[in-house]
């Protein structure tokens, strides 16, 4: 076994309630290291050691390794909401696997997509710290998913989308359907609709509350035959919580 290196001088100091240890071979080197450490702490400069807080390292890791990943803002929001309140202010070297598992367990009952992404992001934060030799092991490496809800979804077809647009123009659906479509609509598709005009038409619509839809002249099939009815059902199944005018 290699002999452990011994320094001639050793000191510690407190900054914002946390203890930091400095070691050096000469007094001059010792005080220089202390001054540099204090400067870095005041400027929030990352020092690659186990005393860095989880919040500070997570921000650095996301911006360094995931800067070009689509959905980075969502990743940061998920971290700030579900991880930071638990362990964000703690030194990364003090975090244990049980704490990470507790974070996941607090999301019990949420969607499979949410809990699996959160587990991946926790593992990424600590694995990147291991890669930078800040901690020896990844405490989030073997986390187990809590109970979750897993459903199935699909995008509406082009035919269903065309039929839905026709219904929207006639004010046949309440605005929550339009809001849902707008959020999931591919970039650029929403520009062809007048949101305010839609709401006005919806408010003044004379459709009966018992009707599913009356598309009128813009309906893909004005005669309301079997094909048209099937399309209506398919469109409505995509928005089970939406009301009818």
C-alpha atoms as a PDB file:
ATOM      1  CA  UNK A   1       0.000   0.000   0.000  1.00  0.00           C
ATOM      2  CA  UNK A   2       1.310   3.418  -0.970  1.00  0.00           C
ATOM      3  CA  UNK A   3       2.254   5.691   1.898  1.00  0.00           C
ATOM      4  CA  UNK A   4      -0.230   8.498   2.526  1.00  0.00           C
ATOM      5  CA  UNK A   5       1.273  11.878   1.757  1.00  0.00           C
ATOM      6  CA  UNK A   6       1.569  14.132   4.818  1.00  0.00           C
ATOM      7  CA  UNK A   7       1.454  17.924   4.686  1.00  0.00           C
ATOM      8  CA  UNK A   8       3.417  20.132   7.065  1.00  0.00           C
ATOM      9  CA  UNK A   9       0.545  22.531   7.762  1.00  0.00           C
ATOM     10  CA  UNK A  10      -3.175  21.974   8.166  1.00  0.00           C
ATOM     11  CA  UNK A  11      -6.014  24.397   8.945  1.00  0.00           C
ATOM     12  CA  UNK A  12      -9.770  24.711   8.612  1.00  0.00           C
ATOM     13  CA  UNK A  13     -12.200  27.620   8.404  1.00  0.00           C
ATOM     14  CA  UNK A  14     -15.960  28.208   8.268  1.00  0.00           C
ATOM     15  CA  UNK A  15     -17.825  29.928   5.448  1.00  0.00           C
ATOM     16  CA  UNK A  16     -21.629  30.309   5.548  1.00  0.00           C
ATOM     17  CA  UNK A  17     -21.952  27.570   8.141  1.00  0.00           C
ATOM     18  CA  UNK A  18     -19.736  25.018   6.369  1.00  0.00           C
ATOM     19  CA  UNK A  19     -16.262  23.866   7.332  1.00  0.00           C
ATOM     20  CA  UNK A  20     -13.449  23.787   4.791  1.00  0.00           C
ATOM     21  CA  UNK A  21     -10.032  22.218   5.275  1.00  0.00           C
ATOM     22  CA  UNK A  22      -6.778  23.500   3.795  1.00  0.00           C
ATOM     23  CA  UNK A  23      -3.422  21.674   3.760  1.00  0.00           C
ATOM     24  CA  UNK A  24      -0.038  22.795   2.486  1.00  0.00           C
ATOM     25  CA  UNK A  25       3.709  22.314   2.833  1.00  0.00           C
ATOM     26  CA  UNK A  26       4.524  25.925   3.800  1.00  0.00           C
ATOM     27  CA  UNK A  27       2.733  28.679   5.681  1.00  0.00           C
ATOM     28  CA  UNK A  28       2.802  30.899   2.613  1.00  0.00           C
ATOM     29  CA  UNK A  29       1.170  28.194   0.499  1.00  0.00           C
ATOM     30  CA  UNK A  30      -1.388  27.546   3.249  1.00  0.00           C
ATOM     31  CA  UNK A  31      -2.612  31.135   3.425  1.00  0.00           C
ATOM     32  CA  UNK A  32      -2.567  31.482  -0.346  1.00  0.00           C
ATOM     33  CA  UNK A  33      -4.797  28.424  -0.662  1.00  0.00           C
ATOM     34  CA  UNK A  34      -7.163  29.801   1.958  1.00  0.00           C
ATOM     35  CA  UNK A  35      -7.414  33.171   0.183  1.00  0.00           C
ATOM     36  CA  UNK A  36      -8.076  31.475  -3.163  1.00  0.00           C
ATOM     37  CA  UNK A  37     -10.689  29.201  -1.617  1.00  0.00           C
ATOM     38  CA  UNK A  38     -12.536  32.117  -0.027  1.00  0.00           C
ATOM     39  CA  UNK A  39     -12.471  34.017  -3.317  1.00  0.00           C
ATOM     40  CA  UNK A  40     -13.937  31.037  -5.174  1.00  0.00           C
ATOM     41  CA  UNK A  41     -16.660  30.581  -2.576  1.00  0.00           C
ATOM     42  CA  UNK A  42     -17.675  34.244  -2.730  1.00  0.00           C
ATOM     43  CA  UNK A  43     -17.777  34.182  -6.538  1.00  0.00           C
ATOM     44  CA  UNK A  44     -19.602  30.838  -6.644  1.00  0.00           C
ATOM     45  CA  UNK A  45     -16.781  29.352  -8.667  1.00  0.00           C
ATOM     46  CA  UNK A  46     -16.967  25.571  -8.867  1.00  0.00           C
ATOM     47  CA  UNK A  47     -14.251  23.900  -6.850  1.00  0.00           C
ATOM     48  CA  UNK A  48     -14.153  20.279  -7.855  1.00  0.00           C
ATOM     49  CA  UNK A  49     -14.418  18.628  -4.471  1.00  0.00           C
ATOM     50  CA  UNK A  50     -16.995  16.993  -2.239  1.00  0.00           C
ATOM     51  CA  UNK A  51     -17.898  20.261  -0.480  1.00  0.00           C
ATOM     52  CA  UNK A  52     -19.710  21.693  -3.520  1.00  0.00           C
ATOM     53  CA  UNK A  53     -23.459  21.869  -2.950  1.00  0.00           C
ATOM     54  CA  UNK A  54     -25.722  19.675  -5.049  1.00  0.00           C
ATOM     55  CA  UNK A  55     -27.503  22.761  -6.447  1.00  0.00           C
ATOM     56  CA  UNK A  56     -24.266  24.323  -7.636  1.00  0.00           C
ATOM     57  CA  UNK A  57     -22.965  21.142  -9.203  1.00  0.00           C
ATOM     58  CA  UNK A  58     -26.298  20.230 -10.840  1.00  0.00           C
ATOM     59  CA  UNK A  59     -26.417  23.632 -12.559  1.00  0.00           C
ATOM     60  CA  UNK A  60     -22.811  23.229 -13.721  1.00  0.00           C
ATOM     61  CA  UNK A  61     -23.396  19.655 -14.937  1.00  0.00           C
ATOM     62  CA  UNK A  62     -26.576  20.500 -16.856  1.00  0.00           C
ATOM     63  CA  UNK A  63     -25.024  23.535 -18.536  1.00  0.00           C
ATOM     64  CA  UNK A  64     -21.811  21.665 -19.377  1.00  0.00           C
ATOM     65  CA  UNK A  65     -23.003  18.243 -20.503  1.00  0.00           C
ATOM     66  CA  UNK A  66     -26.595  18.878 -21.593  1.00  0.00           C
ATOM     67  CA  UNK A  67     -26.367  22.363 -23.080  1.00  0.00           C
ATOM     68  CA  UNK A  68     -27.565  21.134 -26.502  1.00  0.00           C
ATOM     69  CA  UNK A  69     -30.208  18.691 -25.246  1.00  0.00           C
ATOM     70  CA  UNK A  70     -33.783  19.411 -26.263  1.00  0.00           C
ATOM     71  CA  UNK A  71     -35.914  20.049 -23.191  1.00  0.00           C
ATOM     72  CA  UNK A  72     -33.092  21.323 -20.965  1.00  0.00           C
ATOM     73  CA  UNK A  73     -35.377  23.873 -19.309  1.00  0.00           C
ATOM     74  CA  UNK A  74     -37.823  21.101 -18.406  1.00  0.00           C
ATOM     75  CA  UNK A  75     -34.956  19.092 -16.894  1.00  0.00           C
ATOM     76  CA  UNK A  76     -33.918  22.090 -14.780  1.00  0.00           C
ATOM     77  CA  UNK A  77     -37.504  22.728 -13.696  1.00  0.00           C
ATOM     78  CA  UNK A  78     -37.944  19.097 -12.664  1.00  0.00           C
ATOM     79  CA  UNK A  79     -34.720  19.298 -10.652  1.00  0.00           C
ATOM     80  CA  UNK A  80     -35.719  22.547  -8.903  1.00  0.00           C
ATOM     81  CA  UNK A  81     -39.159  21.177  -8.052  1.00  0.00           C
ATOM     82  CA  UNK A  82     -38.411  17.642  -6.914  1.00  0.00           C
ATOM     83  CA  UNK A  83     -34.693  17.439  -6.012  1.00  0.00           C
ATOM     84  CA  UNK A  84     -33.424  20.809  -4.833  1.00  0.00           C
ATOM     85  CA  UNK A  85     -35.821  21.166  -1.859  1.00  0.00           C
ATOM     86  CA  UNK A  86     -34.499  17.867  -0.435  1.00  0.00           C
ATOM     87  CA  UNK A  87     -30.742  17.967  -0.987  1.00  0.00           C
ATOM     88  CA  UNK A  88     -29.915  21.123  -2.953  1.00  0.00           C
ATOM     89  CA  UNK A  89     -28.030  22.930  -0.174  1.00  0.00           C
ATOM     90  CA  UNK A  90     -26.107  19.878   1.040  1.00  0.00           C
ATOM     91  CA  UNK A  91     -22.485  19.137   0.048  1.00  0.00           C
ATOM     92  CA  UNK A  92     -22.493  16.585  -2.721  1.00  0.00           C
ATOM     93  CA  UNK A  93     -20.085  14.351  -0.804  1.00  0.00           C
ATOM     94  CA  UNK A  94     -22.586  13.865   2.034  1.00  0.00           C
ATOM     95  CA  UNK A  95     -25.487  12.533  -0.064  1.00  0.00           C
ATOM     96  CA  UNK A  96     -26.397   8.888   0.419  1.00  0.00           C
ATOM     97  CA  UNK A  97     -28.454   6.479  -1.646  1.00  0.00           C
ATOM     98  CA  UNK A  98     -31.328   6.486   0.871  1.00  0.00           C
ATOM     99  CA  UNK A  99     -31.815  10.233   0.364  1.00  0.00           C
ATOM    100  CA  UNK A 100     -31.987   9.832  -3.409  1.00  0.00           C
ATOM    101  CA  UNK A 101     -34.460   6.972  -3.055  1.00  0.00           C
ATOM    102  CA  UNK A 102     -36.628   9.132  -0.778  1.00  0.00           C
ATOM    103  CA  UNK A 103     -36.793  11.769  -3.505  1.00  0.00           C
ATOM    104  CA  UNK A 104     -38.078   9.201  -5.977  1.00  0.00           C
ATOM    105  CA  UNK A 105     -40.513   7.766  -3.441  1.00  0.00           C
ATOM    106  CA  UNK A 106     -42.031  11.215  -2.950  1.00  0.00           C
ATOM    107  CA  UNK A 107     -43.172  11.011  -6.593  1.00  0.00           C
ATOM    108  CA  UNK A 108     -45.116   7.788  -6.041  1.00  0.00           C
ATOM    109  CA  UNK A 109     -48.320   7.711  -8.081  1.00  0.00           C
ATOM    110  CA  UNK A 110     -47.011   9.989 -10.811  1.00  0.00           C
ATOM    111  CA  UNK A 111     -46.477   8.941 -14.422  1.00  0.00           C
ATOM    112  CA  UNK A 112     -43.870   6.417 -15.497  1.00  0.00           C
ATOM    113  CA  UNK A 113     -42.319   9.038 -17.754  1.00  0.00           C
ATOM    114  CA  UNK A 114     -41.844  11.461 -14.861  1.00  0.00           C
ATOM    115  CA  UNK A 115     -40.306   9.068 -12.335  1.00  0.00           C
ATOM    116  CA  UNK A 116     -38.033   7.389 -14.888  1.00  0.00           C
ATOM    117  CA  UNK A 117     -36.714  10.744 -16.139  1.00  0.00           C
ATOM    118  CA  UNK A 118     -36.150  11.916 -12.584  1.00  0.00           C
ATOM    119  CA  UNK A 119     -34.185   8.753 -11.793  1.00  0.00           C
ATOM    120  CA  UNK A 120     -32.033   9.245 -14.893  1.00  0.00           C
ATOM    121  CA  UNK A 121     -31.338  12.874 -13.997  1.00  0.00           C
ATOM    122  CA  UNK A 122     -30.375  12.023 -10.412  1.00  0.00           C
ATOM    123  CA  UNK A 123     -28.001   9.347 -11.676  1.00  0.00           C
ATOM    124  CA  UNK A 124     -26.531  11.796 -14.207  1.00  0.00           C
ATOM    125  CA  UNK A 125     -25.804  14.482 -11.590  1.00  0.00           C
ATOM    126  CA  UNK A 126     -23.862  12.153  -9.327  1.00  0.00           C
ATOM    127  CA  UNK A 127     -22.202  10.152 -12.120  1.00  0.00           C
ATOM    128  CA  UNK A 128     -20.796  13.357 -13.588  1.00  0.00           C
ATOM    129  CA  UNK A 129     -19.465  14.210 -10.105  1.00  0.00           C
ATOM    130  CA  UNK A 130     -17.755  10.788  -9.988  1.00  0.00           C
ATOM    131  CA  UNK A 131     -16.231  11.442 -13.419  1.00  0.00           C
ATOM    132  CA  UNK A 132     -14.773  14.690 -12.086  1.00  0.00           C
ATOM    133  CA  UNK A 133     -13.348  12.898  -9.035  1.00  0.00           C
ATOM    134  CA  UNK A 134     -15.509  14.860  -6.622  1.00  0.00           C
ATOM    135  CA  UNK A 135     -17.045  11.773  -5.002  1.00  0.00           C
ATOM    136  CA  UNK A 136     -15.940   8.126  -5.105  1.00  0.00           C
ATOM    137  CA  UNK A 137     -19.341   6.500  -5.779  1.00  0.00           C
ATOM    138  CA  UNK A 138     -22.673   7.376  -7.378  1.00  0.00           C
ATOM    139  CA  UNK A 139     -25.413   7.200  -4.675  1.00  0.00           C
ATOM    140  CA  UNK A 140     -28.170   7.298  -7.307  1.00  0.00           C
ATOM    141  CA  UNK A 141     -26.870   4.413  -9.409  1.00  0.00           C
ATOM    142  CA  UNK A 142     -29.264   1.668  -8.272  1.00  0.00           C
ATOM    143  CA  UNK A 143     -32.452   3.508  -7.394  1.00  0.00           C
ATOM    144  CA  UNK A 144     -35.773   1.677  -7.711  1.00  0.00           C
ATOM    145  CA  UNK A 145     -38.830   3.232  -9.282  1.00  0.00           C
ATOM    146  CA  UNK A 146     -41.773   3.797  -6.927  1.00  0.00           C
ATOM    147  CA  UNK A 147     -45.347   2.961  -7.887  1.00  0.00           C
ATOM    148  CA  UNK A 148     -46.322   4.832 -11.021  1.00  0.00           C
ATOM    149  CA  UNK A 149     -49.136   5.236 -13.525  1.00  0.00           C
ATOM    150  CA  UNK A 150     -48.431   4.064 -17.041  1.00  0.00           C
ATOM    151  CA  UNK A 151     -50.848   4.814 -19.843  1.00  0.00           C
ATOM    152  CA  UNK A 152     -50.737   4.850 -23.622  1.00  0.00           C
ATOM    153  CA  UNK A 153     -51.111   7.800 -25.966  1.00  0.00           C
ATOM    154  CA  UNK A 154     -50.953   8.383 -29.692  1.00  0.00           C
ATOM    155  CA  UNK A 155     -50.888  11.372 -31.994  1.00  0.00           C
ATOM    156  CA  UNK A 156     -54.037  12.134 -33.938  1.00  0.00           C
ATOM    157  CA  UNK A 157     -53.955  11.244 -37.619  1.00  0.00           C
ATOM    158  CA  UNK A 158     -53.963  13.791 -40.429  1.00  0.00           C
ATOM    159  CA  UNK A 159     -57.624  12.990 -41.147  1.00  0.00           C
ATOM    160  CA  UNK A 160     -58.572  13.452 -37.487  1.00  0.00           C
ATOM    161  CA  UNK A 161     -56.587  16.685 -37.307  1.00  0.00           C
ATOM    162  CA  UNK A 162     -58.326  18.063 -40.397  1.00  0.00           C
ATOM    163  CA  UNK A 163     -61.713  17.174 -38.960  1.00  0.00           C
ATOM    164  CA  UNK A 164     -60.834  18.728 -35.608  1.00  0.00           C
ATOM    165  CA  UNK A 165     -59.719  21.967 -37.266  1.00  0.00           C
ATOM    166  CA  UNK A 166     -63.070  22.121 -39.030  1.00  0.00           C
ATOM    167  CA  UNK A 167     -64.877  21.691 -35.728  1.00  0.00           C
ATOM    168  CA  UNK A 168     -62.747  24.394 -34.116  1.00  0.00           C
ATOM    169  CA  UNK A 169     -63.571  26.894 -36.854  1.00  0.00           C
ATOM    170  CA  UNK A 170     -67.264  26.314 -36.246  1.00  0.00           C
ATOM    171  CA  UNK A 171     -66.925  26.615 -32.468  1.00  0.00           C
ATOM    172  CA  UNK A 172     -68.139  23.073 -31.840  1.00  0.00           C
ATOM    173  CA  UNK A 173     -65.683  22.325 -29.036  1.00  0.00           C
ATOM    174  CA  UNK A 174     -64.946  24.315 -25.915  1.00  0.00           C
ATOM    175  CA  UNK A 175     -61.680  26.245 -25.742  1.00  0.00           C
ATOM    176  CA  UNK A 176     -59.864  23.611 -23.575  1.00  0.00           C
ATOM    177  CA  UNK A 177     -59.712  21.430 -26.670  1.00  0.00           C
ATOM    178  CA  UNK A 178     -58.110  24.243 -28.623  1.00  0.00           C
ATOM    179  CA  UNK A 179     -55.653  24.874 -25.778  1.00  0.00           C
ATOM    180  CA  UNK A 180     -54.721  21.181 -25.705  1.00  0.00           C
ATOM    181  CA  UNK A 181     -54.213  21.103 -29.464  1.00  0.00           C
ATOM    182  CA  UNK A 182     -52.161  24.291 -29.397  1.00  0.00           C
ATOM    183  CA  UNK A 183     -49.779  22.892 -26.771  1.00  0.00           C
ATOM    184  CA  UNK A 184     -49.179  19.678 -28.709  1.00  0.00           C
ATOM    185  CA  UNK A 185     -49.252  21.183 -32.181  1.00  0.00           C
ATOM    186  CA  UNK A 186     -46.053  20.933 -34.294  1.00  0.00           C
ATOM    187  CA  UNK A 187     -44.228  24.227 -34.718  1.00  0.00           C
ATOM    188  CA  UNK A 188     -45.919  26.544 -37.187  1.00  0.00           C
ATOM    189  CA  UNK A 189     -49.291  24.806 -37.368  1.00  0.00           C
ATOM    190  CA  UNK A 190     -50.906  27.077 -34.797  1.00  0.00           C
ATOM    191  CA  UNK A 191     -50.241  30.242 -36.812  1.00  0.00           C
ATOM    192  CA  UNK A 192     -53.035  29.483 -39.264  1.00  0.00           C
ATOM    193  CA  UNK A 193     -55.751  29.892 -36.604  1.00  0.00           C
ATOM    194  CA  UNK A 194     -57.162  33.082 -35.135  1.00  0.00           C
ATOM    195  CA  UNK A 195     -57.420  32.362 -31.415  1.00  0.00           C
ATOM    196  CA  UNK A 196     -59.525  35.412 -30.570  1.00  0.00           C
ATOM    197  CA  UNK A 197     -61.788  34.832 -33.530  1.00  0.00           C
ATOM    198  CA  UNK A 198     -62.267  31.248 -32.464  1.00  0.00           C
ATOM    199  CA  UNK A 199     -63.313  32.272 -28.960  1.00  0.00           C
ATOM    200  CA  UNK A 200     -65.809  34.807 -30.329  1.00  0.00           C
ATOM    201  CA  UNK A 201     -67.334  32.247 -32.663  1.00  0.00           C
ATOM    202  CA  UNK A 202     -67.447  29.731 -29.839  1.00  0.00           C
ATOM    203  CA  UNK A 203     -69.222  32.201 -27.538  1.00  0.00           C
ATOM    204  CA  UNK A 204     -71.856  33.102 -30.149  1.00  0.00           C
ATOM    205  CA  UNK A 205     -72.326  29.577 -31.493  1.00  0.00           C
ATOM    206  CA  UNK A 206     -75.950  28.461 -31.777  1.00  0.00           C
ATOM    207  CA  UNK A 207     -75.154  24.752 -31.530  1.00  0.00           C
ATOM    208  CA  UNK A 208     -77.227  22.681 -29.154  1.00  0.00           C
ATOM    209  CA  UNK A 209     -75.524  21.359 -26.008  1.00  0.00           C
ATOM    210  CA  UNK A 210     -76.647  17.880 -26.959  1.00  0.00           C
ATOM    211  CA  UNK A 211     -74.870  17.922 -30.305  1.00  0.00           C
ATOM    212  CA  UNK A 212     -71.404  16.508 -30.809  1.00  0.00           C
ATOM    213  CA  UNK A 213     -70.637  18.733 -33.765  1.00  0.00           C
ATOM    214  CA  UNK A 214     -72.219  20.523 -36.719  1.00  0.00           C
ATOM    215  CA  UNK A 215     -69.453  21.224 -39.161  1.00  0.00           C
ATOM    216  CA  UNK A 216     -71.619  22.742 -41.855  1.00  0.00           C
ATOM    217  CA  UNK A 217     -70.083  23.450 -45.273  1.00  0.00           C
ATOM    218  CA  UNK A 218     -66.502  22.915 -44.084  1.00  0.00           C
ATOM    219  CA  UNK A 219     -67.152  19.373 -42.862  1.00  0.00           C
ATOM    220  CA  UNK A 220     -65.115  16.731 -44.758  1.00  0.00           C
ATOM    221  CA  UNK A 221     -68.439  14.932 -45.274  1.00  0.00           C
ATOM    222  CA  UNK A 222     -71.474  17.293 -45.020  1.00  0.00           C
ATOM    223  CA  UNK A 223     -73.924  14.380 -45.223  1.00  0.00           C
ATOM    224  CA  UNK A 224     -72.744  13.084 -41.822  1.00  0.00           C
ATOM    225  CA  UNK A 225     -72.392   9.521 -43.053  1.00  0.00           C
ATOM    226  CA  UNK A 226     -70.744   6.634 -41.194  1.00  0.00           C
ATOM    227  CA  UNK A 227     -67.209   7.772 -42.028  1.00  0.00           C
ATOM    228  CA  UNK A 228     -67.841  11.247 -40.634  1.00  0.00           C
ATOM    229  CA  UNK A 229     -69.319   9.842 -37.419  1.00  0.00           C
ATOM    230  CA  UNK A 230     -66.321   7.588 -36.953  1.00  0.00           C
ATOM    231  CA  UNK A 231     -63.977  10.535 -37.386  1.00  0.00           C
ATOM    232  CA  UNK A 232     -65.913  12.503 -34.782  1.00  0.00           C
ATOM    233  CA  UNK A 233     -65.590   9.653 -32.309  1.00  0.00           C
ATOM    234  CA  UNK A 234     -61.879   9.285 -32.996  1.00  0.00           C
ATOM    235  CA  UNK A 235     -61.286  13.002 -32.489  1.00  0.00           C
ATOM    236  CA  UNK A 236     -63.337  13.137 -29.288  1.00  0.00           C
ATOM    237  CA  UNK A 237     -61.497  10.115 -27.871  1.00  0.00           C
ATOM    238  CA  UNK A 238     -58.278  12.145 -27.957  1.00  0.00           C
ATOM    239  CA  UNK A 239     -59.850  14.729 -25.657  1.00  0.00           C
ATOM    240  CA  UNK A 240     -61.923  12.771 -23.124  1.00  0.00           C
ATOM    241  CA  UNK A 241     -61.999  15.635 -20.604  1.00  0.00           C
ATOM    242  CA  UNK A 242     -63.201  18.287 -23.027  1.00  0.00           C
ATOM    243  CA  UNK A 243     -66.764  19.547 -22.925  1.00  0.00           C
ATOM    244  CA  UNK A 244     -69.244  20.164 -25.666  1.00  0.00           C
ATOM    245  CA  UNK A 245     -71.045  23.332 -26.611  1.00  0.00           C
END
